[in-house]
Each structure stands twice: as C-alpha cells, then as structure tokens.
Amino acid sequence: QDYIEKVKKITSPSFQQIRKIANSEISNLPDKEKKELFGRLERGVALLDSHKVMCQYLRSYGNMHEAKIQDAVKHLPKEIFENDFEIVDWGCGQGIGTVCFFDYLKKEGFNINVEKVTLIEPSELALNMANLHIESYLGDEGKVHSIKKFLDEVVVDDLKSESGLPRIHFFSNILDIPQIDLKELSQKVNSTILNDNYIVC
C-alpha cells in the first residue's frame, strides 16, 4: 500500500523514479534475503509472485531493460507518435517496456497520444503493478486493458480493436522462452491487423 501511494504521488513520472521507490522498498532487507530474492528471479524469466520479488526485478534488471527499450524504440518512425496509436505489451511484467517508451516520447518532445494500452501477463500481482505504473503517466484508467493470461492462451478476440489505429507491440524479453509458440503468436497478431503494426522485440 505504501508503494502504491508513493507512485501515485509522483508528479512527473519516469521509470527511474519508479525504480527508486522499488529500491527503497527492499534496501533495508538483510543481504541474505536480497540474495534469495535475486535467485527467485531465475535470470529474469520467473513469474513475479510477490511485491519484494517485483521490487528486486526492478532493482536488478531495470536499467538493462530500460536501455534495451530506449535503443529499440528510436528505430520506430517518428510520424506514428504525432497521432493516436495503441500499444499491446506482451508478457508485460510490471509494464517496464511501455513506461520506458513513454519516457522516450517525453524526451523527444511528443505527447503520449496513446488511445489504448493492452497489457498481457499471467501474474495478477505484476499486472496490477503494470496498471499502477502506466496510469501514473496517463491518469486515465479507461485507457488500460488488462488480460491475465499466458501468451499461448491469448485468443484473437482478446486483441480486437475497434479503432483501427496503428499499433505498437512490445515483446520484452519473452521471445526466447521455449514454451511460447512463435508461429502461432505471429498468426494471432497478423489476424488482428487493421492498420500499420510495429513490433518492438
């Protein structure tokens, strides 16, 4: 609850501010517990199942994740950002990919013209955290749509869009997970295309 209140009080959000709050949540833990939390991350692919584990993820992998996203999104054509668009964040975890993208838009002087953010994540705790982080930027709960599923459980109906706007898909650190059928995943994305789709992975 304390973490939620601190994030909600951020006046001009950034990923590093969020990460700083997460760090403060676990900084006073004994070294043995920190080491155990790090082990539970399983090199960043484990399902995030507790608040402390999520904070440890931001502490251990946050900067690397941010650098990857910042490096990837600079290759997107900037004209997309001038008008409304949608985001689909696959295996979103705590929403780091979308949040770091928002930071990039702000840094480049663009408004965050996102009409809808679809978050796909099997961990309810992580999904709630992603909602919190993204709403701190948007201030509009109605724009965030959550799907609590593993990626292979997602069906085409989950991805339907009425707007026909361009979409940016984030696949952050998930395409190397062997349980994911990449061919089936690509077919699901392909069957929902109404406009330009951009894949960031």
Protein backbone atom coordinates (compact mmCIF):
# COMPACT_ATOMS: atom_id res chain seq x y z
CA GLN A 1 0.00 0.00 0.00
CA ASP A 2 2.88 2.36 0.87
CA TYR A 3 4.45 1.68 -2.55
CA ILE A 4 1.16 2.44 -4.33
CA GLU A 5 0.77 5.77 -2.53
CA LYS A 6 4.36 6.77 -3.33
CA VAL A 7 3.91 6.02 -7.05
CA LYS A 8 0.60 7.89 -7.15
CA LYS A 9 2.30 10.96 -5.64
CA ILE A 10 4.89 11.22 -8.45
CA THR A 11 4.08 14.47 -10.25
CA SER A 12 6.18 13.91 -13.37
CA PRO A 13 6.69 10.15 -13.64
CA SER A 14 9.74 8.41 -15.05
CA PHE A 15 10.97 4.84 -14.94
CA GLN A 16 13.94 5.84 -12.77
CA GLN A 17 11.62 7.44 -10.20
CA ILE A 18 9.57 4.24 -10.07
CA ARG A 19 12.75 2.16 -9.77
CA LYS A 20 13.98 4.38 -6.95
CA ILE A 21 10.77 3.73 -4.98
CA ALA A 22 11.14 -0.03 -5.60
CA ASN A 23 14.77 0.11 -4.42
CA SER A 24 13.74 1.84 -1.20
CA GLU A 25 11.21 -0.93 -0.51
CA ILE A 26 13.93 -3.59 -0.22
CA SER A 27 17.12 -1.64 0.51
CA ASN A 28 16.95 -2.35 4.25
CA LEU A 29 16.47 -6.09 3.90
CA PRO A 30 19.28 -8.37 5.15
CA ASP A 31 21.80 -9.34 2.46
CA LYS A 32 20.76 -12.99 2.76
CA GLU A 33 17.15 -12.13 1.88
CA LYS A 34 18.25 -9.92 -1.03
CA LYS A 35 20.32 -12.81 -2.38
CA GLU A 36 17.35 -15.16 -2.05
CA LEU A 37 15.08 -12.66 -3.86
CA PHE A 38 17.62 -12.35 -6.68
CA GLY A 39 17.73 -16.15 -7.02
CA ARG A 40 13.95 -16.28 -7.30
CA LEU A 41 14.12 -14.09 -10.43
CA GLU A 42 15.67 -17.03 -12.36
CA ARG A 43 17.72 -14.66 -14.55
CA GLY A 44 14.63 -12.54 -15.19
CA VAL A 45 12.25 -15.14 -16.62
CA ALA A 46 10.43 -16.26 -13.44
CA LEU A 47 6.78 -15.38 -12.83
CA LEU A 48 6.79 -12.41 -10.47
CA ASP A 49 4.76 -13.60 -7.49
CA SER A 50 5.41 -11.19 -4.62
CA HIS A 51 5.91 -7.48 -4.04
CA LYS A 52 9.50 -7.96 -2.88
CA VAL A 53 10.36 -10.07 -5.93
CA MET A 54 8.93 -7.38 -8.21
CA CYS A 55 10.99 -4.71 -6.46
CA GLN A 56 14.08 -6.90 -6.77
CA TYR A 57 13.42 -7.29 -10.52
CA LEU A 58 13.33 -3.51 -10.96
CA ARG A 59 16.50 -3.20 -8.89
CA SER A 60 18.44 -5.97 -10.69
CA TYR A 61 17.21 -5.77 -14.28
CA GLY A 62 15.54 -2.36 -14.55
CA ASN A 63 18.45 -0.42 -16.01
CA MET A 64 19.25 -3.12 -18.58
CA HIS A 65 15.58 -3.32 -19.57
CA GLU A 66 15.37 0.47 -19.92
CA ALA A 67 18.49 0.60 -22.11
CA LYS A 68 17.13 -2.11 -24.43
CA ILE A 69 13.78 -0.37 -24.86
CA GLN A 70 15.34 3.07 -25.43
CA ASP A 71 17.65 1.56 -28.05
CA ALA A 72 14.81 -0.26 -29.82
CA VAL A 73 12.12 2.44 -29.95
CA LYS A 74 14.41 5.02 -31.53
CA HIS A 75 14.11 2.96 -34.73
CA LEU A 76 10.34 3.45 -34.92
CA PRO A 77 9.20 6.06 -37.48
CA LYS A 78 8.51 9.25 -35.51
CA GLU A 79 5.40 10.13 -37.52
CA ILE A 80 3.50 7.39 -35.62
CA PHE A 81 3.78 9.43 -32.43
CA GLU A 82 2.18 12.55 -33.92
CA ASN A 83 -1.31 10.99 -33.95
CA ASP A 84 -3.26 8.48 -31.86
CA PHE A 85 -1.99 4.91 -31.61
CA GLU A 86 -2.42 1.79 -29.47
CA ILE A 87 0.05 -0.36 -27.53
CA VAL A 88 -0.02 -4.11 -26.91
CA ASP A 89 2.53 -5.12 -24.26
CA TRP A 90 3.02 -8.91 -24.37
CA GLY A 91 4.27 -10.54 -21.17
CA CYS A 92 4.32 -7.02 -19.80
CA GLY A 93 5.50 -7.85 -16.27
CA GLN A 94 5.36 -4.54 -14.42
CA GLY A 95 4.89 -2.53 -17.61
CA ILE A 96 8.55 -1.51 -17.91
CA GLY A 97 8.51 -1.62 -21.73
CA THR A 98 5.54 0.74 -22.03
CA VAL A 99 6.79 3.04 -19.27
CA CYS A 100 10.26 3.37 -20.82
CA PHE A 101 8.63 4.06 -24.17
CA PHE A 102 6.61 6.86 -22.55
CA ASP A 103 9.88 8.27 -21.18
CA TYR A 104 11.31 8.21 -24.70
CA LEU A 105 8.28 10.09 -26.07
CA LYS A 106 8.61 12.76 -23.38
CA LYS A 107 12.35 13.10 -24.02
CA GLU A 108 11.71 13.55 -27.75
CA GLY A 109 9.04 16.20 -27.09
CA PHE A 110 5.98 14.15 -28.12
CA ASN A 111 2.67 13.97 -26.28
CA ILE A 112 1.65 10.49 -25.19
CA ASN A 113 -1.09 10.08 -27.82
CA VAL A 114 -1.96 6.54 -26.78
CA GLU A 115 -5.65 5.64 -27.04
CA LYS A 116 -5.40 2.17 -25.54
CA VAL A 117 -2.78 0.06 -23.77
CA THR A 118 -3.41 -3.69 -23.73
CA LEU A 119 -1.36 -5.49 -21.08
CA ILE A 120 -0.92 -9.27 -21.32
CA GLU A 121 0.58 -11.00 -18.28
CA PRO A 122 -0.16 -14.22 -16.33
CA SER A 123 0.84 -12.82 -12.91
CA GLU A 124 -2.01 -10.85 -11.35
CA LEU A 125 0.38 -9.04 -9.00
CA ALA A 126 2.61 -7.92 -11.87
CA LEU A 127 -0.43 -6.92 -13.93
CA ASN A 128 -1.71 -4.73 -11.09
CA MET A 129 1.74 -3.16 -10.79
CA ALA A 130 1.87 -2.51 -14.54
CA ASN A 131 -1.53 -0.80 -14.33
CA LEU A 132 -0.30 1.39 -11.48
CA HIS A 133 2.88 2.39 -13.30
CA ILE A 134 1.17 3.16 -16.63
CA GLU A 135 -1.76 5.04 -15.08
CA SER A 136 0.75 7.28 -13.27
CA TYR A 137 1.59 8.60 -16.77
CA LEU A 138 -1.86 8.59 -18.34
CA GLY A 139 -4.04 9.49 -15.36
CA ASP A 140 -6.85 7.63 -17.14
CA GLU A 141 -7.78 4.13 -16.03
CA GLY A 142 -10.11 3.73 -19.01
CA LYS A 143 -7.20 3.51 -21.45
CA VAL A 144 -5.60 0.43 -19.86
CA HIS A 145 -7.00 -3.00 -20.72
CA SER A 146 -5.58 -5.99 -18.79
CA ILE A 147 -5.52 -9.62 -19.93
CA LYS A 148 -4.42 -12.10 -17.25
CA LYS A 149 -3.21 -14.95 -19.45
CA PHE A 150 -0.09 -16.76 -20.56
CA LEU A 151 0.81 -15.75 -24.11
CA ASP A 152 -0.25 -19.06 -25.64
CA GLU A 153 -3.70 -18.67 -24.00
CA VAL A 154 -4.40 -15.37 -25.75
CA VAL A 155 -7.10 -15.63 -28.44
CA VAL A 156 -7.78 -13.32 -31.37
CA ASP A 157 -10.88 -11.86 -29.66
CA ASP A 158 -8.64 -10.59 -26.83
CA LEU A 159 -6.76 -8.46 -29.35
CA LYS A 160 -9.61 -6.99 -31.35
CA SER A 161 -9.60 -3.23 -31.75
CA GLU A 162 -12.49 -1.07 -32.83
CA SER A 163 -10.33 1.98 -33.51
CA GLY A 164 -8.30 0.78 -36.47
CA LEU A 165 -5.37 2.85 -35.17
CA PRO A 166 -1.72 1.90 -35.71
CA ARG A 167 -0.39 -0.44 -33.04
CA ILE A 168 2.96 -0.84 -31.37
CA HIS A 169 3.60 -4.32 -29.95
CA PHE A 170 6.19 -4.78 -27.20
CA PHE A 171 7.75 -8.22 -26.79
CA SER A 172 10.15 -7.61 -23.92
CA ASN A 173 12.49 -10.47 -23.02
CA ILE A 174 9.96 -13.17 -23.88
CA LEU A 175 10.69 -14.42 -27.38
CA ASP A 176 13.43 -16.76 -26.13
CA ILE A 177 11.12 -18.59 -23.71
CA PRO A 178 10.77 -22.10 -25.18
CA GLN A 179 7.14 -22.60 -24.11
CA ILE A 180 5.98 -19.86 -26.48
CA ASP A 181 4.88 -20.93 -29.98
CA LEU A 182 6.19 -18.04 -32.06
CA LYS A 183 4.45 -19.13 -35.26
CA GLU A 184 1.05 -19.24 -33.54
CA LEU A 185 1.76 -15.91 -31.85
CA SER A 186 2.60 -14.23 -35.16
CA GLN A 187 -0.62 -15.59 -36.70
CA LYS A 188 -2.67 -14.09 -33.85
CA VAL A 189 -1.04 -10.70 -34.34
CA ASN A 190 -1.47 -10.93 -38.11
CA SER A 191 -5.19 -11.75 -37.89
CA THR A 192 -5.95 -8.55 -35.95
CA ILE A 193 -4.21 -6.09 -38.25
CA LEU A 194 -6.38 -3.16 -39.38
CA ASN A 195 -3.57 -0.63 -39.82
CA ASP A 196 0.21 -0.43 -39.52
CA ASN A 197 1.65 -2.64 -36.78
CA TYR A 198 5.13 -2.13 -35.37
CA ILE A 199 6.91 -4.90 -33.47
CA VAL A 200 9.47 -3.99 -30.79
CA CYS A 201 11.39 -7.02 -29.53
